[in-house]
Amino acid sequence: MEQIEKLFKKEISQIDIDNERFSWFEKELGLIISEEVKFFWICCSSLKMENSECYISPLVDLDYYKETIEDLFFNFEELNQYVNESSIVEGVKPYVYNKKWIPFVSVDGIYNFLDFDSADTGNDGQIILTDMMGGDSRVLLVSKSLNELCGRINEEIEAGRITVTLNNNEMSIVSHSEDDDYNAFVAIGLWEDN
């Protein structure tokens, strides 16, 4: 882990957050994206940690999202009337999709959203992990913040349920679970099938 931390610190020390890239979200959508999320977005968009053994989930490109917001999830709002009651999670409004859910990571139909329209018991800007495969949207995980979610992933690494290795300056992350929902938990930015 020490070798991984050194590489990561070296890479992120060269990254500068360009707040202008985020100003559209704030002006047009009326959303305030936290500094921690901005930094994460810029870091993950800038770092090249992809190899044949490990797939690092691409963050949704800010410019692409801005240009395609109307088309990205064009039919999901119509499906909100069909929300499965058993899939409702505390802190998240019962939607299949909400315009104030901003996708920032996607892997095989699993989306990490910033939720800027949380339920009364939730937090604006919370992270929700949603499975949108097959037209039946399910919220798999809710975290109050990116820091909390990363902390949960660190706990999984320390418990040995996720393995992180570094070979030739390329990071590989493996989940040791047969549970798809658990593997989706790892999908905050990192995904690999067993």
Protein backbone atom coordinates (compact mmCIF):
# COMPACT_ATOMS: atom_id res chain seq x y z
CA MET A 1 0.00 0.00 0.00
CA GLU A 2 2.90 2.38 0.71
CA GLN A 3 4.07 2.14 -2.91
CA ILE A 4 0.54 2.88 -4.15
CA GLU A 5 0.22 5.89 -1.84
CA LYS A 6 3.56 7.31 -3.07
CA LEU A 7 2.51 6.98 -6.72
CA PHE A 8 -0.90 8.48 -6.02
CA LYS A 9 0.52 11.43 -4.04
CA LYS A 10 3.01 12.17 -6.82
CA GLU A 11 0.25 12.16 -9.46
CA ILE A 12 -2.26 14.26 -7.51
CA SER A 13 0.34 16.86 -6.55
CA GLN A 14 0.38 17.89 -10.23
CA ILE A 15 -3.40 18.32 -10.53
CA ASP A 16 -5.06 21.73 -10.39
CA ILE A 17 -8.82 22.12 -9.97
CA ASP A 18 -10.24 24.35 -12.69
CA ASN A 19 -13.43 25.67 -11.08
CA GLU A 20 -14.59 27.05 -14.43
CA ARG A 21 -15.25 23.46 -15.56
CA PHE A 22 -17.82 23.15 -12.78
CA SER A 23 -19.40 26.60 -13.08
CA TRP A 24 -22.00 25.37 -15.59
CA PHE A 25 -23.46 22.97 -12.99
CA GLU A 26 -23.69 25.78 -10.49
CA LYS A 27 -25.15 28.38 -12.88
CA GLU A 28 -27.45 26.28 -15.07
CA LEU A 29 -28.53 23.58 -12.63
CA GLY A 30 -28.24 25.54 -9.40
CA LEU A 31 -25.99 22.89 -7.84
CA ILE A 32 -22.96 23.34 -5.63
CA ILE A 33 -20.41 20.56 -6.09
CA SER A 34 -18.20 20.10 -3.03
CA GLU A 35 -14.44 20.62 -3.24
CA GLU A 36 -13.83 16.94 -2.35
CA VAL A 37 -15.94 15.78 -5.29
CA LYS A 38 -14.34 18.31 -7.66
CA PHE A 39 -10.90 17.07 -6.63
CA PHE A 40 -11.92 13.42 -7.02
CA TRP A 41 -13.45 14.11 -10.44
CA ILE A 42 -10.34 15.92 -11.68
CA CYS A 43 -7.96 13.33 -10.17
CA CYS A 44 -9.73 10.35 -11.67
CA SER A 45 -10.09 12.06 -15.02
CA SER A 46 -6.36 12.86 -15.04
CA LEU A 47 -4.78 9.68 -13.69
CA LYS A 48 -4.03 6.81 -16.05
CA MET A 49 -4.57 3.68 -13.95
CA GLU A 50 -5.89 1.20 -16.49
CA ASN A 51 -4.40 -2.17 -17.44
CA SER A 52 -5.56 -5.50 -18.77
CA GLU A 53 -6.22 -6.94 -15.30
CA CYS A 54 -8.09 -4.04 -13.81
CA TYR A 55 -10.71 -1.71 -15.23
CA ILE A 56 -10.86 1.76 -13.73
CA SER A 57 -14.34 3.12 -14.28
CA PRO A 58 -14.42 6.21 -16.44
CA LEU A 59 -15.85 9.30 -14.81
CA VAL A 60 -18.62 10.88 -16.81
CA ASP A 61 -16.90 13.61 -18.81
CA LEU A 62 -18.07 17.04 -17.66
CA ASP A 63 -18.23 18.52 -21.16
CA TYR A 64 -20.01 15.45 -22.55
CA TYR A 65 -22.55 15.59 -19.74
CA LYS A 66 -23.16 19.29 -20.30
CA GLU A 67 -23.78 18.74 -24.03
CA THR A 68 -26.00 15.67 -23.66
CA ILE A 69 -27.93 16.26 -20.42
CA GLU A 70 -31.28 16.24 -22.24
CA ASP A 71 -30.57 12.92 -23.96
CA LEU A 72 -28.52 11.07 -21.35
CA PHE A 73 -31.45 9.61 -19.41
CA PHE A 74 -34.24 10.88 -21.65
CA ASN A 75 -36.90 8.30 -20.74
CA PHE A 76 -36.15 7.56 -17.09
CA GLU A 77 -38.31 10.36 -15.66
CA GLU A 78 -41.38 8.83 -17.35
CA LEU A 79 -40.62 5.58 -15.52
CA ASN A 80 -40.73 7.19 -12.06
CA GLN A 81 -44.41 6.27 -11.75
CA TYR A 82 -43.38 2.60 -11.82
CA VAL A 83 -40.95 2.70 -8.87
CA ASN A 84 -40.84 -0.63 -7.04
CA GLU A 85 -41.81 0.10 -3.40
CA SER A 86 -39.40 -2.58 -2.15
CA SER A 87 -36.47 -0.73 -3.74
CA ILE A 88 -37.00 2.51 -1.79
CA VAL A 89 -34.01 3.42 0.38
CA GLU A 90 -34.05 5.82 3.33
CA GLY A 91 -32.67 9.24 2.43
CA VAL A 92 -33.32 8.87 -1.31
CA LYS A 93 -36.50 10.02 -3.07
CA PRO A 94 -38.34 7.16 -4.81
CA TYR A 95 -37.30 7.77 -8.38
CA VAL A 96 -35.98 5.70 -11.23
CA TYR A 97 -34.16 8.86 -12.28
CA ASN A 98 -34.10 12.48 -11.14
CA LYS A 99 -32.64 15.42 -13.09
CA LYS A 100 -30.78 16.44 -9.95
CA TRP A 101 -28.93 13.11 -9.84
CA ILE A 102 -25.62 13.89 -11.53
CA PRO A 103 -23.82 10.76 -12.79
CA PHE A 104 -20.08 10.79 -12.27
CA VAL A 105 -19.04 7.14 -12.58
CA SER A 106 -20.70 4.41 -14.62
CA VAL A 107 -19.89 0.72 -15.05
CA ASP A 108 -22.12 -1.83 -16.80
CA GLY A 109 -25.39 -0.10 -15.86
CA ILE A 110 -24.21 0.75 -12.32
CA TYR A 111 -24.15 4.51 -11.80
CA ASN A 112 -22.68 6.59 -9.00
CA PHE A 113 -24.76 9.75 -8.71
CA LEU A 114 -24.40 12.93 -6.73
CA ASP A 115 -27.92 13.35 -5.35
CA PHE A 116 -28.89 17.03 -5.14
CA ASP A 117 -32.56 16.31 -4.43
CA SER A 118 -32.38 14.06 -1.39
CA ALA A 119 -35.30 13.01 0.78
CA ASP A 120 -35.80 14.75 4.15
CA THR A 121 -33.61 12.17 5.90
CA GLY A 122 -30.84 12.42 3.29
CA ASN A 123 -28.10 14.95 2.55
CA ASP A 124 -27.89 17.09 -0.58
CA GLY A 125 -24.80 16.02 -2.50
CA GLN A 126 -24.90 12.51 -1.04
CA ILE A 127 -23.53 9.66 -3.14
CA ILE A 128 -26.02 7.07 -4.36
CA LEU A 129 -25.03 3.91 -6.17
CA THR A 130 -27.81 2.78 -8.51
CA ASP A 131 -28.25 -0.32 -10.65
CA MET A 132 -30.17 0.73 -13.77
CA MET A 133 -29.92 -2.54 -15.69
CA GLY A 134 -33.05 -3.98 -17.24
CA GLY A 135 -35.18 -0.89 -16.63
CA ASP A 136 -35.61 -1.74 -12.93
CA SER A 137 -33.62 0.86 -11.03
CA ARG A 138 -32.39 -0.12 -7.57
CA VAL A 139 -30.45 2.03 -5.13
CA LEU A 140 -27.70 -0.23 -3.79
CA LEU A 141 -25.84 2.13 -1.50
CA VAL A 142 -26.10 5.61 -0.01
CA SER A 143 -23.19 7.54 1.52
CA LYS A 144 -23.40 11.00 3.07
CA SER A 145 -20.23 12.11 1.32
CA LEU A 146 -17.41 10.96 -0.91
CA ASN A 147 -15.10 10.88 2.11
CA GLU A 148 -17.48 8.53 3.92
CA LEU A 149 -17.72 6.24 0.90
CA CYS A 150 -13.95 6.14 0.43
CA GLY A 151 -13.61 5.41 4.15
CA ARG A 152 -15.97 2.44 3.78
CA ILE A 153 -13.90 1.14 0.87
CA ASN A 154 -10.71 1.54 2.94
CA GLU A 155 -12.34 -0.56 5.69
CA GLU A 156 -13.05 -3.26 3.11
CA ILE A 157 -9.40 -3.19 1.97
CA GLU A 158 -8.16 -3.43 5.57
CA ALA A 159 -10.54 -6.35 6.22
CA GLY A 160 -9.13 -8.18 3.17
CA ARG A 161 -12.39 -8.19 1.20
CA ILE A 162 -10.74 -6.04 -1.49
CA THR A 163 -7.13 -6.51 -2.64
CA VAL A 164 -5.08 -3.64 -4.06
CA THR A 165 -1.74 -4.37 -5.76
CA LEU A 166 0.71 -2.33 -7.79
CA ASN A 167 2.75 -3.81 -10.66
CA ASN A 168 4.89 -1.64 -12.95
CA ASN A 169 3.17 1.48 -11.58
CA GLU A 170 -0.26 0.13 -12.55
CA MET A 171 -2.88 -0.43 -9.89
CA SER A 172 -5.04 -3.56 -9.77
CA ILE A 173 -8.10 -3.87 -7.53
CA VAL A 174 -9.94 -7.15 -6.98
CA SER A 175 -13.14 -7.74 -5.00
CA HIS A 176 -13.29 -11.16 -3.33
CA SER A 177 -17.06 -11.42 -3.28
CA GLU A 178 -19.63 -13.39 -5.25
CA ASP A 179 -22.27 -10.80 -4.31
CA ASP A 180 -23.06 -8.45 -7.21
CA ASP A 181 -24.35 -5.74 -4.86
CA TYR A 182 -21.09 -5.92 -2.93
CA ASN A 183 -19.08 -5.69 -6.13
CA ALA A 184 -21.15 -2.66 -7.08
CA PHE A 185 -20.05 -1.14 -3.77
CA VAL A 186 -16.47 -1.30 -5.07
CA ALA A 187 -17.59 0.50 -8.24
CA ILE A 188 -17.08 3.98 -6.81
CA GLY A 189 -14.30 4.09 -9.36
CA LEU A 190 -12.86 0.62 -9.46
CA TRP A 191 -14.30 -2.60 -10.84
CA GLU A 192 -13.08 -6.08 -11.60
CA ASP A 193 -14.96 -9.34 -11.93
CA ASN A 194 -13.56 -12.36 -10.09
